[in-house]
């Protein structure tokens, strides 16, 4: 994992696998849903509590992290993964910590929020290997494909474009048997290479449960970055970062953090 970037162009897009649980027992987990049941708009707008447990690959390196948002007012939060307590930090209203999980691994969780315990289990999807185009052509649709050894409950295709004026994001939920996706060039029409800082494209395999209006989210994500500026905004952000916190720099969870930081 990379260090936290400041609110320049720090955190971007993700991978997800979702799991949720009841207020007391793993037997109450609501499983077997389809990708259309994932409340992606509520996640983006921080309108629902969630926990994301992610394994991602970037530049051939494997990284893991945990990111959590509790919507309701609360005082105390503790979390155990596989029976061991997770040491968590807090930034921009999010909790974060290390998630020692591996692709295809099942793990148990127990989350206690002010005495209310949600517990259950979740399986991280198998690893995903994507084939991204070597260059990003602003004049064409953006298509890519991927392989994996087994079907997850769904996929999240994510595109994030950082440019001089603002950021553009597009999140598409796909069926678990899908192996390719295309983003329309209409998403970035009107932009030129001179406007752009970087573009991140990713595909995330997701498994998820939803219960008691909380989403527990875990997944495997493959990410590719296209740089357009000669100046590395990410490196500059890391250089001026005042924290040593381990936070996602790329992927969907990182994008959630970025939105929260800008809102603050």
Protein backbone atom coordinates (compact mmCIF):
# COMPACT_ATOMS: atom_id res chain seq x y z
CA UNK A 1 0.00 0.00 0.00
CA UNK A 2 1.03 3.51 -0.67
CA UNK A 3 1.04 6.45 1.73
CA UNK A 4 -1.91 8.80 1.77
CA UNK A 5 -1.88 11.54 -0.85
CA UNK A 6 -3.06 15.04 0.02
CA UNK A 7 -6.15 16.56 -1.51
CA UNK A 8 -4.42 17.28 -4.79
CA UNK A 9 -4.98 14.26 -6.93
CA UNK A 10 -4.47 11.59 -4.36
CA UNK A 11 -7.00 8.83 -4.32
CA UNK A 12 -8.93 7.34 -7.15
CA UNK A 13 -10.92 4.36 -8.17
CA UNK A 14 -11.46 0.54 -6.66
CA UNK A 15 -12.32 -2.78 -6.35
CA UNK A 16 -14.95 -4.22 -4.20
CA UNK A 17 -16.38 -7.27 -2.71
CA UNK A 18 -19.29 -6.60 -0.47
CA UNK A 19 -20.44 -8.33 2.61
CA UNK A 20 -22.93 -7.36 5.26
CA UNK A 21 -24.25 -8.97 8.37
CA UNK A 22 -26.95 -8.93 10.99
CA UNK A 23 -26.78 -7.19 14.32
CA UNK A 24 -25.58 -10.37 16.05
CA UNK A 25 -25.00 -13.50 13.97
CA UNK A 26 -23.31 -14.64 10.77
CA UNK A 27 -26.34 -16.90 10.13
CA UNK A 28 -28.31 -13.80 9.20
CA UNK A 29 -26.03 -12.70 6.35
CA UNK A 30 -28.05 -11.75 3.26
CA UNK A 31 -26.17 -13.53 0.46
CA UNK A 32 -26.70 -14.57 -3.14
CA UNK A 33 -27.55 -11.20 -4.63
CA UNK A 34 -26.82 -9.94 -8.11
CA UNK A 35 -24.72 -6.90 -9.09
CA UNK A 36 -27.85 -4.80 -9.58
CA UNK A 37 -28.46 -5.10 -5.82
CA UNK A 38 -25.25 -3.25 -4.99
CA UNK A 39 -26.29 0.30 -3.97
CA UNK A 40 -23.47 2.00 -5.85
CA UNK A 41 -25.10 5.44 -5.81
CA UNK A 42 -25.55 5.29 -2.04
CA UNK A 43 -21.91 4.28 -1.63
CA UNK A 44 -20.75 7.20 -3.74
CA UNK A 45 -22.90 9.66 -1.80
CA UNK A 46 -22.02 8.23 1.67
CA UNK A 47 -25.70 7.44 2.20
CA UNK A 48 -25.05 3.97 3.58
CA UNK A 49 -22.56 2.41 6.01
CA UNK A 50 -20.05 0.08 4.39
CA UNK A 51 -16.80 -1.79 4.83
CA UNK A 52 -14.49 -2.54 1.91
CA UNK A 53 -11.90 -5.31 2.09
CA UNK A 54 -9.77 -5.16 -1.05
CA UNK A 55 -6.93 -6.99 -2.72
CA UNK A 56 -5.54 -5.04 -5.67
CA UNK A 57 -2.73 -5.33 -8.17
CA UNK A 58 -0.97 -2.29 -9.59
CA UNK A 59 2.34 -2.38 -11.50
CA UNK A 60 2.53 -6.12 -10.76
CA UNK A 61 2.45 -5.49 -7.00
CA UNK A 62 -0.22 -7.01 -4.73
CA UNK A 63 -1.67 -4.75 -2.03
CA UNK A 64 -4.42 -5.21 0.56
CA UNK A 65 -6.35 -2.74 2.67
CA UNK A 66 -9.57 -2.18 4.56
CA UNK A 67 -11.73 0.93 4.39
CA UNK A 68 -14.90 1.54 6.42
CA UNK A 69 -17.54 4.25 6.74
CA UNK A 70 -20.13 4.31 9.54
CA UNK A 71 -23.02 6.60 8.65
CA UNK A 72 -24.82 6.62 11.99
CA UNK A 73 -23.60 8.67 14.94
CA UNK A 74 -21.33 6.58 17.16
CA UNK A 75 -18.53 6.74 19.69
CA UNK A 76 -16.64 3.44 19.63
CA UNK A 77 -15.79 1.05 16.81
CA UNK A 78 -13.83 -2.21 17.01
CA UNK A 79 -13.27 -4.80 14.30
CA UNK A 80 -11.93 -8.34 14.29
CA UNK A 81 -10.83 -10.23 11.19
CA UNK A 82 -10.37 -13.99 11.64
CA UNK A 83 -10.57 -13.46 15.40
CA UNK A 84 -7.79 -10.85 15.59
CA UNK A 85 -8.46 -7.21 16.32
CA UNK A 86 -7.66 -4.83 13.46
CA UNK A 87 -5.74 -1.68 14.37
CA UNK A 88 -7.52 1.15 12.58
CA UNK A 89 -6.82 4.81 11.92
CA UNK A 90 -9.34 7.46 10.95
CA UNK A 91 -9.26 10.18 8.30
CA UNK A 92 -11.95 12.19 6.49
CA UNK A 93 -14.55 10.28 8.55
CA UNK A 94 -13.29 6.90 7.26
CA UNK A 95 -11.70 4.09 9.24
CA UNK A 96 -8.81 2.27 7.61
CA UNK A 97 -6.37 -0.51 8.39
CA UNK A 98 -4.43 -3.47 7.05
CA UNK A 99 -6.41 -6.43 5.74
CA UNK A 100 -4.32 -9.58 5.72
CA UNK A 101 -6.38 -11.44 3.15
CA UNK A 102 -5.54 -13.22 -0.09
CA UNK A 103 -7.36 -13.85 -3.39
CA UNK A 104 -9.88 -16.65 -3.00
CA UNK A 105 -9.58 -16.61 0.80
CA UNK A 106 -12.60 -16.79 3.09
CA UNK A 107 -12.44 -14.82 6.31
CA UNK A 108 -14.64 -14.01 9.29
CA UNK A 109 -15.39 -10.56 10.62
CA UNK A 110 -16.94 -9.12 13.75
CA UNK A 111 -17.74 -5.41 13.82
CA UNK A 112 -18.86 -3.74 17.06
CA UNK A 113 -20.31 -0.21 16.90
CA UNK A 114 -21.27 1.13 20.31
CA UNK A 115 -22.15 -2.37 21.54
CA UNK A 116 -24.03 -3.43 18.40
CA UNK A 117 -22.19 -6.38 16.84
CA UNK A 118 -22.39 -7.45 13.21
CA UNK A 119 -20.52 -10.65 12.39
CA UNK A 120 -20.25 -13.02 9.47
CA UNK A 121 -17.94 -14.34 6.79
CA UNK A 122 -16.97 -13.42 3.24
CA UNK A 123 -14.83 -14.84 0.46
CA UNK A 124 -12.43 -12.63 -1.48
CA UNK A 125 -12.87 -13.35 -5.22
CA UNK A 126 -10.20 -15.15 -7.20
CA UNK A 127 -7.51 -12.97 -8.77
CA UNK A 128 -8.34 -11.05 -11.94
CA UNK A 129 -5.87 -10.32 -14.75
CA UNK A 130 -6.92 -7.54 -17.11
CA UNK A 131 -5.66 -6.66 -20.59
CA UNK A 132 -5.71 -2.87 -20.90
CA UNK A 133 -4.91 -1.00 -24.13
CA UNK A 134 -1.31 0.30 -24.13
CA UNK A 135 -2.51 3.85 -24.88
CA UNK A 136 -5.70 5.74 -24.05
CA UNK A 137 -7.25 7.09 -27.27
CA UNK A 138 -9.52 10.05 -26.49
CA UNK A 139 -11.10 9.75 -29.93
CA UNK A 140 -12.33 6.18 -29.45
CA UNK A 141 -14.38 4.09 -27.05
CA UNK A 142 -12.27 2.47 -24.32
CA UNK A 143 -12.49 -1.34 -24.34
CA UNK A 144 -10.66 -3.91 -22.24
CA UNK A 145 -10.99 -7.54 -21.16
CA UNK A 146 -9.94 -9.76 -18.26
CA UNK A 147 -9.64 -13.35 -17.10
CA UNK A 148 -10.31 -15.05 -13.77
CA UNK A 149 -10.58 -18.66 -12.63
CA UNK A 150 -14.15 -18.44 -11.29
CA UNK A 151 -17.18 -16.17 -11.53
CA UNK A 152 -17.70 -13.71 -8.66
CA UNK A 153 -21.14 -12.34 -7.84
CA UNK A 154 -20.36 -9.39 -10.08
CA UNK A 155 -17.78 -7.00 -11.47
CA UNK A 156 -17.34 -3.25 -11.07
CA UNK A 157 -15.78 -1.50 -14.07
CA UNK A 158 -14.47 1.92 -13.07
CA UNK A 159 -12.99 4.83 -15.00
CA UNK A 160 -11.59 7.95 -13.35
CA UNK A 161 -10.28 10.93 -15.32
CA UNK A 162 -8.37 13.68 -13.49
CA UNK A 163 -7.93 16.91 -15.42
CA UNK A 164 -7.36 20.62 -14.86
CA UNK A 165 -10.98 21.56 -14.17
CA UNK A 166 -12.41 18.58 -12.30
CA UNK A 167 -12.59 14.79 -12.13
CA UNK A 168 -14.84 12.55 -14.21
CA UNK A 169 -15.90 9.13 -12.93
CA UNK A 170 -17.93 6.29 -14.38
CA UNK A 171 -18.85 3.12 -12.46
CA UNK A 172 -20.61 0.25 -14.27
CA UNK A 173 -21.86 -2.90 -12.50
CA UNK A 174 -21.50 -6.08 -14.56
CA UNK A 175 -22.57 -9.70 -14.26
CA UNK A 176 -20.12 -12.20 -12.79
CA UNK A 177 -19.76 -14.10 -16.08
CA UNK A 178 -18.73 -11.02 -18.05
CA UNK A 179 -15.12 -10.81 -19.27
CA UNK A 180 -14.97 -7.53 -21.21
CA UNK A 181 -16.37 -4.02 -21.08
CA UNK A 182 -16.47 -0.82 -23.12
CA UNK A 183 -16.73 2.78 -21.89
CA UNK A 184 -18.21 5.17 -24.44
CA UNK A 185 -15.98 8.00 -25.64
CA UNK A 186 -18.90 10.32 -24.85
CA UNK A 187 -17.72 10.19 -21.22
CA UNK A 188 -14.58 12.15 -22.08
CA UNK A 189 -15.64 13.95 -25.26
CA UNK A 190 -14.34 17.50 -25.44
CA UNK A 191 -11.18 16.76 -23.47
CA UNK A 192 -7.73 17.04 -25.00
CA UNK A 193 -4.45 15.54 -23.82
CA UNK A 194 -3.38 19.03 -22.70
CA UNK A 195 -6.32 19.06 -20.24
CA UNK A 196 -5.50 15.72 -18.63
CA UNK A 197 -3.35 14.76 -15.65
CA UNK A 198 -4.04 11.03 -15.62
CA UNK A 199 -6.70 8.39 -16.27
CA UNK A 200 -7.23 5.28 -14.15
CA UNK A 201 -9.12 2.27 -15.47
CA UNK A 202 -9.93 -0.73 -13.29
CA UNK A 203 -11.95 -3.90 -13.05
CA UNK A 204 -13.01 -5.30 -9.67
CA UNK A 205 -14.40 -8.74 -8.95
CA UNK A 206 -17.00 -8.41 -6.20
CA UNK A 207 -18.89 -10.63 -3.77
CA UNK A 208 -21.33 -8.97 -1.43
CA UNK A 209 -23.96 -9.19 1.28
CA UNK A 210 -26.24 -6.39 2.46
CA UNK A 211 -27.98 -6.42 5.83
CA UNK A 212 -29.38 -3.87 8.27
CA UNK A 213 -28.64 -1.10 5.78
CA UNK A 214 -24.90 -1.75 5.87
CA UNK A 215 -22.73 -3.06 3.06
CA UNK A 216 -19.57 -5.02 3.81
CA UNK A 217 -17.43 -4.82 0.75
CA UNK A 218 -14.47 -6.88 -0.33
CA UNK A 219 -12.96 -7.71 -3.72
CA UNK A 220 -10.06 -8.13 -6.08
CA UNK A 221 -9.10 -5.24 -8.39
CA UNK A 222 -6.74 -4.81 -11.32
CA UNK A 223 -5.85 -1.18 -12.13
CA UNK A 224 -4.03 0.56 -14.96
CA UNK A 225 -2.89 4.20 -15.04
CA UNK A 226 -2.46 6.39 -18.12
CA UNK A 227 -0.31 9.49 -17.52
CA UNK A 228 -0.73 12.58 -19.68
CA UNK A 229 1.20 15.27 -17.83
CA UNK A 230 4.97 15.41 -17.61
CA UNK A 231 4.53 16.32 -13.96
CA UNK A 232 3.57 13.47 -11.63
CA UNK A 233 0.76 14.83 -9.49
CA UNK A 234 0.66 11.65 -7.43
CA UNK A 235 4.35 11.85 -6.58
CA UNK A 236 3.93 15.51 -5.63
CA UNK A 237 1.02 14.63 -3.38
CA UNK A 238 3.03 11.92 -1.65
CA UNK A 239 5.95 14.29 -1.18
CA UNK A 240 3.88 16.82 0.74
CA UNK A 241 1.80 14.27 2.63
CA UNK A 242 1.95 14.96 6.35
CA UNK A 243 0.81 11.52 7.46
CA UNK A 244 2.31 8.09 7.40
CA UNK A 245 -1.12 6.50 7.19
CA UNK A 246 -1.59 3.50 4.96
CA UNK A 247 -4.47 4.44 2.69
CA UNK A 248 -5.51 3.33 -0.78
CA UNK A 249 -4.01 5.55 -3.45
CA UNK A 250 -5.89 4.10 -6.39
CA UNK A 251 -9.06 2.16 -7.02
CA UNK A 252 -12.68 2.66 -6.08
CA UNK A 253 -12.13 2.94 -2.28
CA UNK A 254 -9.45 5.56 -2.92
CA UNK A 255 -11.93 7.50 -5.01
CA UNK A 256 -14.43 7.41 -2.12
CA UNK A 257 -11.77 8.92 0.12
CA UNK A 258 -11.00 11.62 -2.41
CA UNK A 259 -14.64 12.69 -2.61
CA UNK A 260 -14.86 12.81 1.17
CA UNK A 261 -11.65 14.88 1.42
CA UNK A 262 -12.89 17.39 -1.13
CA UNK A 263 -16.23 17.68 0.67
CA UNK A 264 -14.43 18.55 3.89
